[in-house]
Amino acid sequence: MYQNKITLTPQEILEKDFKIDTRGYRLKEVDQFLDVIIGDYEQFFIIIDSLEKEKAELLREIMSLKQELRNAKVNVEIAKNNSDTTEISNLDILRRLSKLEKEVYGKDD
């Protein structure tokens, strides 16, 4: 995803050979190489910062979704309990009505 922004691989850094002058390595060549490395590190920090922000946002979203799920489960339980109570209440009312009809009308079915 971010590989096209990174110029050097760790292996390329490890295998880099500088030409030796009479006084040692060519300073300009070393400086140019170090500039590329510095650019890569700056890009790494930008990428890491971006990914950390994305991760934090995703974690907040996960926590929010988990809370919504908990609330939904509680609401389902409440709805189940209310429907069970309503069924029992309706059944109880029908039994009482039946008993009342028997007493009022004197029928034994």
C-alpha atoms as a PDB file:
ATOM      1  CA  MET A   1       0.000   0.000   0.000  1.00  0.00           C
ATOM      2  CA  TYR A   2       2.736   2.468   0.965  1.00  0.00           C
ATOM      3  CA  GLN A   3       5.639   0.690  -0.736  1.00  0.00           C
ATOM      4  CA  ASN A   4       5.676   3.043  -3.732  1.00  0.00           C
ATOM      5  CA  LYS A   5       6.567   5.956  -1.396  1.00  0.00           C
ATOM      6  CA  ILE A   6       9.615   4.208   0.111  1.00  0.00           C
ATOM      7  CA  THR A   7      12.783   4.397  -1.973  1.00  0.00           C
ATOM      8  CA  LEU A   8      15.129   1.982  -0.201  1.00  0.00           C
ATOM      9  CA  THR A   9      14.753  -1.453   1.260  1.00  0.00           C
ATOM     10  CA  PRO A  10      16.725  -2.526   4.334  1.00  0.00           C
ATOM     11  CA  GLN A  11      18.706  -4.892   2.111  1.00  0.00           C
ATOM     12  CA  GLU A  12      19.708  -2.027  -0.236  1.00  0.00           C
ATOM     13  CA  ILE A  13      20.915   0.028   2.717  1.00  0.00           C
ATOM     14  CA  LEU A  14      22.897  -2.931   4.039  1.00  0.00           C
ATOM     15  CA  GLU A  15      24.536  -3.697   0.691  1.00  0.00           C
ATOM     16  CA  LYS A  16      25.372  -0.095  -0.280  1.00  0.00           C
ATOM     17  CA  ASP A  17      29.045   0.308  -1.195  1.00  0.00           C
ATOM     18  CA  PHE A  18      30.611   3.766  -1.435  1.00  0.00           C
ATOM     19  CA  LYS A  19      33.549   4.443  -3.730  1.00  0.00           C
ATOM     20  CA  ILE A  20      36.697   5.303  -1.858  1.00  0.00           C
ATOM     21  CA  ASP A  21      38.661   8.438  -2.763  1.00  0.00           C
ATOM     22  CA  THR A  22      42.207   9.133  -1.785  1.00  0.00           C
ATOM     23  CA  ARG A  23      40.884  10.683   1.402  1.00  0.00           C
ATOM     24  CA  GLY A  24      38.115   8.124   2.016  1.00  0.00           C
ATOM     25  CA  TYR A  25      34.502   7.931   0.871  1.00  0.00           C
ATOM     26  CA  ARG A  26      33.167  10.604  -1.449  1.00  0.00           C
ATOM     27  CA  LEU A  27      31.310  12.947   0.842  1.00  0.00           C
ATOM     28  CA  LYS A  28      28.835  14.053  -1.797  1.00  0.00           C
ATOM     29  CA  GLU A  29      27.856  10.438  -2.548  1.00  0.00           C
ATOM     30  CA  VAL A  30      27.438   9.613   1.147  1.00  0.00           C
ATOM     31  CA  ASP A  31      25.400  12.780   1.727  1.00  0.00           C
ATOM     32  CA  GLN A  32      23.098  11.974  -1.197  1.00  0.00           C
ATOM     33  CA  PHE A  33      22.561   8.450   0.091  1.00  0.00           C
ATOM     34  CA  LEU A  34      21.859   9.704   3.603  1.00  0.00           C
ATOM     35  CA  ASP A  35      19.363  12.228   2.175  1.00  0.00           C
ATOM     36  CA  VAL A  36      17.457   9.336   0.587  1.00  0.00           C
ATOM     37  CA  ILE A  37      17.497   7.445   3.892  1.00  0.00           C
ATOM     38  CA  ILE A  38      16.288  10.516   5.759  1.00  0.00           C
ATOM     39  CA  GLY A  39      13.481  10.960   3.218  1.00  0.00           C
ATOM     40  CA  ASP A  40      12.455   7.344   3.732  1.00  0.00           C
ATOM     41  CA  TYR A  41      12.420   7.716   7.501  1.00  0.00           C
ATOM     42  CA  GLU A  42      10.320  10.864   7.230  1.00  0.00           C
ATOM     43  CA  GLN A  43       7.889   8.946   5.010  1.00  0.00           C
ATOM     44  CA  PHE A  44       7.833   6.069   7.516  1.00  0.00           C
ATOM     45  CA  PHE A  45       6.906   8.476  10.301  1.00  0.00           C
ATOM     46  CA  ILE A  46       4.102   9.981   8.213  1.00  0.00           C
ATOM     47  CA  ILE A  47       2.774   6.499   7.401  1.00  0.00           C
ATOM     48  CA  ILE A  48       2.994   5.353  11.016  1.00  0.00           C
ATOM     49  CA  ASP A  49       1.215   8.483  12.227  1.00  0.00           C
ATOM     50  CA  SER A  50      -1.539   8.014   9.649  1.00  0.00           C
ATOM     51  CA  LEU A  51      -2.000   4.354  10.574  1.00  0.00           C
ATOM     52  CA  GLU A  52      -2.067   5.162  14.292  1.00  0.00           C
ATOM     53  CA  LYS A  53      -4.828   7.725  13.728  1.00  0.00           C
ATOM     54  CA  GLU A  54      -6.775   5.237  11.601  1.00  0.00           C
ATOM     55  CA  LYS A  55      -6.333   2.575  14.266  1.00  0.00           C
ATOM     56  CA  ALA A  56      -7.589   4.898  17.007  1.00  0.00           C
ATOM     57  CA  GLU A  57     -10.642   5.807  14.935  1.00  0.00           C
ATOM     58  CA  LEU A  58     -11.388   2.151  14.201  1.00  0.00           C
ATOM     59  CA  LEU A  59     -11.059   1.285  17.886  1.00  0.00           C
ATOM     60  CA  ARG A  60     -13.544   4.054  18.760  1.00  0.00           C
ATOM     61  CA  GLU A  61     -15.902   2.694  16.104  1.00  0.00           C
ATOM     62  CA  ILE A  62     -15.532  -0.846  17.451  1.00  0.00           C
ATOM     63  CA  MET A  63     -16.321   0.342  20.986  1.00  0.00           C
ATOM     64  CA  SER A  64     -19.360   2.224  19.714  1.00  0.00           C
ATOM     65  CA  LEU A  65     -20.601  -0.816  17.785  1.00  0.00           C
ATOM     66  CA  LYS A  66     -20.046  -3.068  20.795  1.00  0.00           C
ATOM     67  CA  GLN A  67     -22.109  -0.686  22.927  1.00  0.00           C
ATOM     68  CA  GLU A  68     -24.863  -0.664  20.291  1.00  0.00           C
ATOM     69  CA  LEU A  69     -24.809  -4.472  20.263  1.00  0.00           C
ATOM     70  CA  ARG A  70     -25.095  -4.599  24.053  1.00  0.00           C
ATOM     71  CA  ASN A  71     -28.003  -2.161  23.962  1.00  0.00           C
ATOM     72  CA  ALA A  72     -29.711  -4.179  21.224  1.00  0.00           C
ATOM     73  CA  LYS A  73     -29.328  -7.388  23.249  1.00  0.00           C
ATOM     74  CA  VAL A  74     -30.822  -5.690  26.303  1.00  0.00           C
ATOM     75  CA  ASN A  75     -33.722  -4.386  24.199  1.00  0.00           C
ATOM     76  CA  VAL A  76     -34.337  -7.872  22.786  1.00  0.00           C
ATOM     77  CA  GLU A  77     -34.410  -9.331  26.304  1.00  0.00           C
ATOM     78  CA  ILE A  78     -36.805  -6.624  27.452  1.00  0.00           C
ATOM     79  CA  ALA A  79     -39.030  -7.264  24.437  1.00  0.00           C
ATOM     80  CA  LYS A  80     -38.983 -11.027  25.096  1.00  0.00           C
ATOM     81  CA  ASN A  81     -39.866 -10.516  28.734  1.00  0.00           C
ATOM     82  CA  ASN A  82     -42.672  -8.104  27.845  1.00  0.00           C
ATOM     83  CA  SER A  83     -44.123 -10.447  25.215  1.00  0.00           C
ATOM     84  CA  ASP A  84     -44.018 -13.386  27.654  1.00  0.00           C
ATOM     85  CA  THR A  85     -45.757 -11.270  30.295  1.00  0.00           C
ATOM     86  CA  THR A  86     -48.374 -10.123  27.788  1.00  0.00           C
ATOM     87  CA  GLU A  87     -49.111 -13.693  26.730  1.00  0.00           C
ATOM     88  CA  ILE A  88     -49.457 -14.812  30.318  1.00  0.00           C
ATOM     89  CA  SER A  89     -51.643 -11.825  31.105  1.00  0.00           C
ATOM     90  CA  ASN A  90     -53.896 -12.482  28.096  1.00  0.00           C
ATOM     91  CA  LEU A  91     -54.151 -16.159  28.963  1.00  0.00           C
ATOM     92  CA  ASP A  92     -54.930 -15.285  32.562  1.00  0.00           C
ATOM     93  CA  ILE A  93     -57.606 -12.810  31.441  1.00  0.00           C
ATOM     94  CA  LEU A  94     -59.210 -15.440  29.185  1.00  0.00           C
ATOM     95  CA  ARG A  95     -59.322 -17.957  32.057  1.00  0.00           C
ATOM     96  CA  ARG A  96     -60.873 -15.405  34.401  1.00  0.00           C
ATOM     97  CA  LEU A  97     -63.412 -14.422  31.755  1.00  0.00           C
ATOM     98  CA  SER A  98     -64.296 -18.061  31.224  1.00  0.00           C
ATOM     99  CA  LYS A  99     -64.797 -18.575  34.973  1.00  0.00           C
ATOM    100  CA  LEU A 100     -66.903 -15.418  35.145  1.00  0.00           C
ATOM    101  CA  GLU A 101     -69.101 -16.577  32.249  1.00  0.00           C
ATOM    102  CA  LYS A 102     -69.618 -19.937  33.962  1.00  0.00           C
ATOM    103  CA  GLU A 103     -70.706 -18.259  37.152  1.00  0.00           C
ATOM    104  CA  VAL A 104     -72.906 -15.662  35.460  1.00  0.00           C
ATOM    105  CA  TYR A 105     -74.559 -18.009  33.012  1.00  0.00           C
ATOM    106  CA  GLY A 106     -74.294 -21.110  35.159  1.00  0.00           C
ATOM    107  CA  LYS A 107     -72.934 -23.239  32.345  1.00  0.00           C
ATOM    108  CA  ASP A 108     -70.572 -26.124  32.937  1.00  0.00           C
ATOM    109  CA  ASP A 109     -68.768 -26.857  29.670  1.00  0.00           C
END
